[in-house]
Amino acid sequence: MLDEMAAGHVRLLPPTRTGLERLTRAVSASEALTQARAAAFEPTRPEPLMGPDGPYLRARINL
């Protein structure tokens, strides 16, 4: 899915992309669960802003 996003075939919301990127760091489901339990949870909080072309959202990606 991340390859498809990089190629421009699909669009992913930041929380989905972040979750998939974290999963790619694990070599097994067990390791993914261990990493998830050890990670500090910090939600992605988009900030609404106004730019010269109109409103947009800015969000820090929590990797």
PDB file of N, CA and C in Angstrom:
ATOM      1  N   MET A   1       0.824  -1.194   0.000  1.00  0.00           N
ATOM      2  CA  MET A   1       0.000   0.000   0.000  1.00  0.00           C
ATOM      3  C   MET A   1       0.871   1.262   0.000  1.00  0.00           C
ATOM      4  N   LEU A   2       1.968   1.244   0.778  1.00  0.00           N
ATOM      5  CA  LEU A   2       2.846   2.413   0.800  1.00  0.00           C
ATOM      6  C   LEU A   2       3.500   2.632  -0.566  1.00  0.00           C
ATOM      7  N   ASP A   3       3.818   1.538  -1.270  1.00  0.00           N
ATOM      8  CA  ASP A   3       4.375   1.661  -2.620  1.00  0.00           C
ATOM      9  C   ASP A   3       3.361   2.293  -3.564  1.00  0.00           C
ATOM     10  N   GLU A   4       2.098   1.893  -3.429  1.00  0.00           N
ATOM     11  CA  GLU A   4       1.045   2.465  -4.272  1.00  0.00           C
ATOM     12  C   GLU A   4       0.857   3.945  -3.972  1.00  0.00           C
ATOM     13  N   MET A   5       0.987   4.329  -2.695  1.00  0.00           N
ATOM     14  CA  MET A   5       0.881   5.729  -2.329  1.00  0.00           C
ATOM     15  C   MET A   5       2.050   6.518  -2.928  1.00  0.00           C
ATOM     16  N   ALA A   6       3.264   5.976  -2.813  1.00  0.00           N
ATOM     17  CA  ALA A   6       4.444   6.655  -3.356  1.00  0.00           C
ATOM     18  C   ALA A   6       4.345   6.823  -4.870  1.00  0.00           C
ATOM     19  N   ALA A   7       3.710   5.872  -5.540  1.00  0.00           N
ATOM     20  CA  ALA A   7       3.540   5.947  -6.992  1.00  0.00           C
ATOM     21  C   ALA A   7       2.385   6.852  -7.393  1.00  0.00           C
ATOM     22  N   GLY A   8       1.622   7.337  -6.415  1.00  0.00           N
ATOM     23  CA  GLY A   8       0.511   8.229  -6.706  1.00  0.00           C
ATOM     24  C   GLY A   8      -0.777   7.523  -7.077  1.00  0.00           C
ATOM     25  N   HIS A   9      -0.852   6.213  -6.826  1.00  0.00           N
ATOM     26  CA  HIS A   9      -2.056   5.455  -7.178  1.00  0.00           C
ATOM     27  C   HIS A   9      -3.143   5.529  -6.107  1.00  0.00           C
ATOM     28  N   VAL A  10      -2.739   5.717  -4.863  1.00  0.00           N
ATOM     29  CA  VAL A  10      -3.712   5.835  -3.766  1.00  0.00           C
ATOM     30  C   VAL A  10      -3.290   6.983  -2.856  1.00  0.00           C
ATOM     31  N   ARG A  11      -4.251   7.502  -2.122  1.00  0.00           N
ATOM     32  CA  ARG A  11      -3.976   8.544  -1.132  1.00  0.00           C
ATOM     33  C   ARG A  11      -4.322   7.983   0.237  1.00  0.00           C
ATOM     34  N   LEU A  12      -3.454   8.211   1.206  1.00  0.00           N
ATOM     35  CA  LEU A  12      -3.685   7.741   2.564  1.00  0.00           C
ATOM     36  C   LEU A  12      -3.698   8.926   3.515  1.00  0.00           C
ATOM     37  N   LEU A  13      -4.589   8.878   4.483  1.00  0.00           N
ATOM     38  CA  LEU A  13      -4.590   9.894   5.529  1.00  0.00           C
ATOM     39  C   LEU A  13      -3.354   9.690   6.409  1.00  0.00           C
ATOM     40  N   PRO A  14      -2.832  10.760   6.994  1.00  0.00           N
ATOM     41  CA  PRO A  14      -1.616  10.634   7.798  1.00  0.00           C
ATOM     42  C   PRO A  14      -1.651   9.543   8.872  1.00  0.00           C
ATOM     43  N   PRO A  15      -2.741   9.372   9.631  1.00  0.00           N
ATOM     44  CA  PRO A  15      -2.715   8.302  10.637  1.00  0.00           C
ATOM     45  C   PRO A  15      -2.577   6.903  10.028  1.00  0.00           C
ATOM     46  N   THR A  16      -3.194   6.695   8.877  1.00  0.00           N
ATOM     47  CA  THR A  16      -3.087   5.397   8.203  1.00  0.00           C
ATOM     48  C   THR A  16      -1.668   5.182   7.701  1.00  0.00           C
ATOM     49  N   ARG A  17      -1.114   6.203   7.070  1.00  0.00           N
ATOM     50  CA  ARG A  17       0.260   6.103   6.567  1.00  0.00           C
ATOM     51  C   ARG A  17       1.243   5.849   7.701  1.00  0.00           C
ATOM     52  N   THR A  18       1.089   6.581   8.791  1.00  0.00           N
ATOM     53  CA  THR A  18       1.975   6.409   9.939  1.00  0.00           C
ATOM     54  C   THR A  18       1.892   4.995  10.493  1.00  0.00           C
ATOM     55  N   GLY A  19       0.687   4.479  10.640  1.00  0.00           N
ATOM     56  CA  GLY A  19       0.520   3.121  11.149  1.00  0.00           C
ATOM     57  C   GLY A  19       1.163   2.087  10.246  1.00  0.00           C
ATOM     58  N   LEU A  20       0.985   2.240   8.935  1.00  0.00           N
ATOM     59  CA  LEU A  20       1.594   1.303   7.997  1.00  0.00           C
ATOM     60  C   LEU A  20       3.122   1.407   8.018  1.00  0.00           C
ATOM     61  N   GLU A  21       3.642   2.626   8.133  1.00  0.00           N
ATOM     62  CA  GLU A  21       5.100   2.793   8.210  1.00  0.00           C
ATOM     63  C   GLU A  21       5.662   2.135   9.465  1.00  0.00           C
ATOM     64  N   ARG A  22       4.955   2.242  10.565  1.00  0.00           N
ATOM     65  CA  ARG A  22       5.407   1.586  11.795  1.00  0.00           C
ATOM     66  C   ARG A  22       5.396   0.066  11.638  1.00  0.00           C
ATOM     67  N   LEU A  23       4.365  -0.462  10.977  1.00  0.00           N
ATOM     68  CA  LEU A  23       4.278  -1.909  10.791  1.00  0.00           C
ATOM     69  C   LEU A  23       5.410  -2.442   9.922  1.00  0.00           C
ATOM     70  N   THR A  24       5.887  -1.648   8.974  1.00  0.00           N
ATOM     71  CA  THR A  24       6.959  -2.123   8.099  1.00  0.00           C
ATOM     72  C   THR A  24       8.275  -2.304   8.844  1.00  0.00           C
ATOM     73  N   ARG A  25       8.403  -1.727  10.016  1.00  0.00           N
ATOM     74  CA  ARG A  25       9.634  -1.866  10.809  1.00  0.00           C
ATOM     75  C   ARG A  25       9.719  -3.209  11.529  1.00  0.00           C
ATOM     76  N   ALA A  26       8.619  -3.913  11.640  1.00  0.00           N
ATOM     77  CA  ALA A  26       8.578  -5.197  12.354  1.00  0.00           C
ATOM     78  C   ALA A  26       8.770  -6.340  11.364  1.00  0.00           C
ATOM     79  N   VAL A  27       9.455  -7.391  11.830  1.00  0.00           N
ATOM     80  CA  VAL A  27       9.669  -8.553  10.967  1.00  0.00           C
ATOM     81  C   VAL A  27       8.627  -9.640  11.195  1.00  0.00           C
ATOM     82  N   SER A  28       7.794  -9.472  12.227  1.00  0.00           N
ATOM     83  CA  SER A  28       6.744 -10.451  12.512  1.00  0.00           C
ATOM     84  C   SER A  28       5.583  -9.748  13.206  1.00  0.00           C
ATOM     85  N   ALA A  29       4.450 -10.436  13.255  1.00  0.00           N
ATOM     86  CA  ALA A  29       3.288  -9.887  13.948  1.00  0.00           C
ATOM     87  C   ALA A  29       3.589  -9.738  15.436  1.00  0.00           C
ATOM     88  N   SER A  30       4.301 -10.699  15.991  1.00  0.00           N
ATOM     89  CA  SER A  30       4.659 -10.636  17.409  1.00  0.00           C
ATOM     90  C   SER A  30       5.513  -9.406  17.698  1.00  0.00           C
ATOM     91  N   GLU A  31       6.479  -9.136  16.832  1.00  0.00           N
ATOM     92  CA  GLU A  31       7.328  -7.958  17.028  1.00  0.00           C
ATOM     93  C   GLU A  31       6.523  -6.673  16.873  1.00  0.00           C
ATOM     94  N   ALA A  32       5.592  -6.642  15.930  1.00  0.00           N
ATOM     95  CA  ALA A  32       4.748  -5.463  15.744  1.00  0.00           C
ATOM     96  C   ALA A  32       3.934  -5.182  17.004  1.00  0.00           C
ATOM     97  N   LEU A  33       3.386  -6.228  17.612  1.00  0.00           N
ATOM     98  CA  LEU A  33       2.617  -6.053  18.852  1.00  0.00           C
ATOM     99  C   LEU A  33       3.501  -5.581  19.992  1.00  0.00           C
ATOM    100  N   THR A  34       4.700  -6.129  20.091  1.00  0.00           N
ATOM    101  CA  THR A  34       5.636  -5.704  21.136  1.00  0.00           C
ATOM    102  C   THR A  34       5.991  -4.230  20.962  1.00  0.00           C
ATOM    103  N   GLN A  35       6.271  -3.823  19.724  1.00  0.00           N
ATOM    104  CA  GLN A  35       6.592  -2.418  19.463  1.00  0.00           C
ATOM    105  C   GLN A  35       5.409  -1.507  19.773  1.00  0.00           C
ATOM    106  N   ALA A  36       4.214  -1.954  19.424  1.00  0.00           N
ATOM    107  CA  ALA A  36       3.017  -1.147  19.681  1.00  0.00           C
ATOM    108  C   ALA A  36       2.785  -0.962  21.173  1.00  0.00           C
ATOM    109  N   ARG A  37       3.005  -2.011  21.948  1.00  0.00           N
ATOM    110  CA  ARG A  37       2.810  -1.911  23.400  1.00  0.00           C
ATOM    111  C   ARG A  37       3.836  -0.984  24.045  1.00  0.00           C
ATOM    112  N   ALA A  38       5.046  -0.949  23.487  1.00  0.00           N
ATOM    113  CA  ALA A  38       6.120  -0.143  24.066  1.00  0.00           C
ATOM    114  C   ALA A  38       6.060   1.321  23.631  1.00  0.00           C
ATOM    115  N   ALA A  39       5.363   1.602  22.534  1.00  0.00           N
ATOM    116  CA  ALA A  39       5.340   2.957  21.983  1.00  0.00           C
ATOM    117  C   ALA A  39       4.425   3.866  22.782  1.00  0.00           C
ATOM    118  N   ALA A  40       4.859   5.102  22.906  1.00  0.00           N
ATOM    119  CA  ALA A  40       4.000   6.120  23.516  1.00  0.00           C
ATOM    120  C   ALA A  40       3.001   6.570  22.459  1.00  0.00           C
ATOM    121  N   PHE A  41       1.747   6.594  22.821  1.00  0.00           N
ATOM    122  CA  PHE A  41       0.709   6.993  21.870  1.00  0.00           C
ATOM    123  C   PHE A  41       0.598   8.504  21.861  1.00  0.00           C
ATOM    124  N   GLU A  42       0.743   9.077  20.686  1.00  0.00           N
ATOM    125  CA  GLU A  42       0.553  10.510  20.509  1.00  0.00           C
ATOM    126  C   GLU A  42      -0.325  10.698  19.273  1.00  0.00           C
ATOM    127  N   PRO A  43      -1.566  11.085  19.469  1.00  0.00           N
ATOM    128  CA  PRO A  43      -2.466  11.195  18.315  1.00  0.00           C
ATOM    129  C   PRO A  43      -2.032  12.299  17.355  1.00  0.00           C
ATOM    130  N   THR A  44      -2.377  12.110  16.103  1.00  0.00           N
ATOM    131  CA  THR A  44      -2.154  13.142  15.092  1.00  0.00           C
ATOM    132  C   THR A  44      -3.286  14.149  15.217  1.00  0.00           C
ATOM    133  N   ARG A  45      -2.919  15.392  15.404  1.00  0.00           N
ATOM    134  CA  ARG A  45      -3.926  16.450  15.562  1.00  0.00           C
ATOM    135  C   ARG A  45      -3.746  17.486  14.461  1.00  0.00           C
ATOM    136  N   PRO A  46      -4.545  17.404  13.411  1.00  0.00           N
ATOM    137  CA  PRO A  46      -4.439  18.391  12.331  1.00  0.00           C
ATOM    138  C   PRO A  46      -4.765  19.798  12.834  1.00  0.00           C
ATOM    139  N   GLU A  47      -4.044  20.758  12.309  1.00  0.00           N
ATOM    140  CA  GLU A  47      -4.257  22.159  12.665  1.00  0.00           C
ATOM    141  C   GLU A  47      -4.820  22.886  11.445  1.00  0.00           C
ATOM    142  N   PRO A  48      -6.047  23.415  11.549  1.00  0.00           N
ATOM    143  CA  PRO A  48      -6.603  24.148  10.401  1.00  0.00           C
ATOM    144  C   PRO A  48      -5.914  25.496  10.238  1.00  0.00           C
ATOM    145  N   LEU A  49      -5.486  25.797   9.023  1.00  0.00           N
ATOM    146  CA  LEU A  49      -4.800  27.057   8.718  1.00  0.00           C
ATOM    147  C   LEU A  49      -5.396  27.670   7.463  1.00  0.00           C
ATOM    148  N   MET A  50      -5.131  28.954   7.270  1.00  0.00           N
ATOM    149  CA  MET A  50      -5.573  29.639   6.068  1.00  0.00           C
ATOM    150  C   MET A  50      -4.331  30.031   5.275  1.00  0.00           C
ATOM    151  N   GLY A  51      -4.268  29.594   4.032  1.00  0.00           N
ATOM    152  CA  GLY A  51      -3.150  29.920   3.157  1.00  0.00           C
ATOM    153  C   GLY A  51      -3.598  30.843   2.045  1.00  0.00           C
ATOM    154  N   PRO A  52      -2.686  31.228   1.189  1.00  0.00           N
ATOM    155  CA  PRO A  52      -3.048  32.145   0.098  1.00  0.00           C
ATOM    156  C   PRO A  52      -4.050  31.526  -0.881  1.00  0.00           C
ATOM    157  N   ASP A  53      -4.089  30.206  -0.957  1.00  0.00           N
ATOM    158  CA  ASP A  53      -5.041  29.530  -1.849  1.00  0.00           C
ATOM    159  C   ASP A  53      -6.283  29.029  -1.126  1.00  0.00           C
ATOM    160  N   GLY A  54      -6.425  29.364   0.152  1.00  0.00           N
ATOM    161  CA  GLY A  54      -7.587  28.935   0.913  1.00  0.00           C
ATOM    162  C   GLY A  54      -7.199  28.091   2.119  1.00  0.00           C
ATOM    163  N   PRO A  55      -8.201  27.506   2.782  1.00  0.00           N
ATOM    164  CA  PRO A  55      -7.926  26.739   3.999  1.00  0.00           C
ATOM    165  C   PRO A  55      -7.237  25.403   3.694  1.00  0.00           C
ATOM    166  N   TYR A  56      -6.424  24.961   4.666  1.00  0.00           N
ATOM    167  CA  TYR A  56      -5.776  23.659   4.560  1.00  0.00           C
ATOM    168  C   TYR A  56      -5.477  23.147   5.965  1.00  0.00           C
ATOM    169  N   LEU A  57      -5.114  21.881   6.068  1.00  0.00           N
ATOM    170  CA  LEU A  57      -4.776  21.278   7.350  1.00  0.00           C
ATOM    171  C   LEU A  57      -3.278  20.958   7.378  1.00  0.00           C
ATOM    172  N   ARG A  58      -2.656  21.233   8.514  1.00  0.00           N
ATOM    173  CA  ARG A  58      -1.250  20.865   8.715  1.00  0.00           C
ATOM    174  C   ARG A  58      -1.225  19.910   9.903  1.00  0.00           C
ATOM    175  N   ALA A  59      -0.504  18.809   9.748  1.00  0.00           N
ATOM    176  CA  ALA A  59      -0.410  17.828  10.827  1.00  0.00           C
ATOM    177  C   ALA A  59       1.017  17.330  10.948  1.00  0.00           C
ATOM    178  N   ARG A  60       1.493  17.238  12.180  1.00  0.00           N
ATOM    179  CA  ARG A  60       2.798  16.645  12.438  1.00  0.00           C
ATOM    180  C   ARG A  60       2.628  15.135  12.390  1.00  0.00           C
ATOM    181  N   ILE A  61       3.501  14.456  11.694  1.00  0.00           N
ATOM    182  CA  ILE A  61       3.427  13.009  11.581  1.00  0.00           C
ATOM    183  C   ILE A  61       4.225  12.412  12.739  1.00  0.00           C
ATOM    184  N   ASN A  62       3.561  11.588  13.520  1.00  0.00           N
ATOM    185  CA  ASN A  62       4.175  11.007  14.708  1.00  0.00           C
ATOM    186  C   ASN A  62       4.735   9.630  14.398  1.00  0.00           C
ATOM    187  N   LEU A  63       5.985   9.587  14.029  1.00  0.00           N
ATOM    188  CA  LEU A  63       6.623   8.299  13.757  1.00  0.00           C
ATOM    189  C   LEU A  63       7.398   7.930  14.979  1.00  0.00           C
TER     190      LEU A  63
END
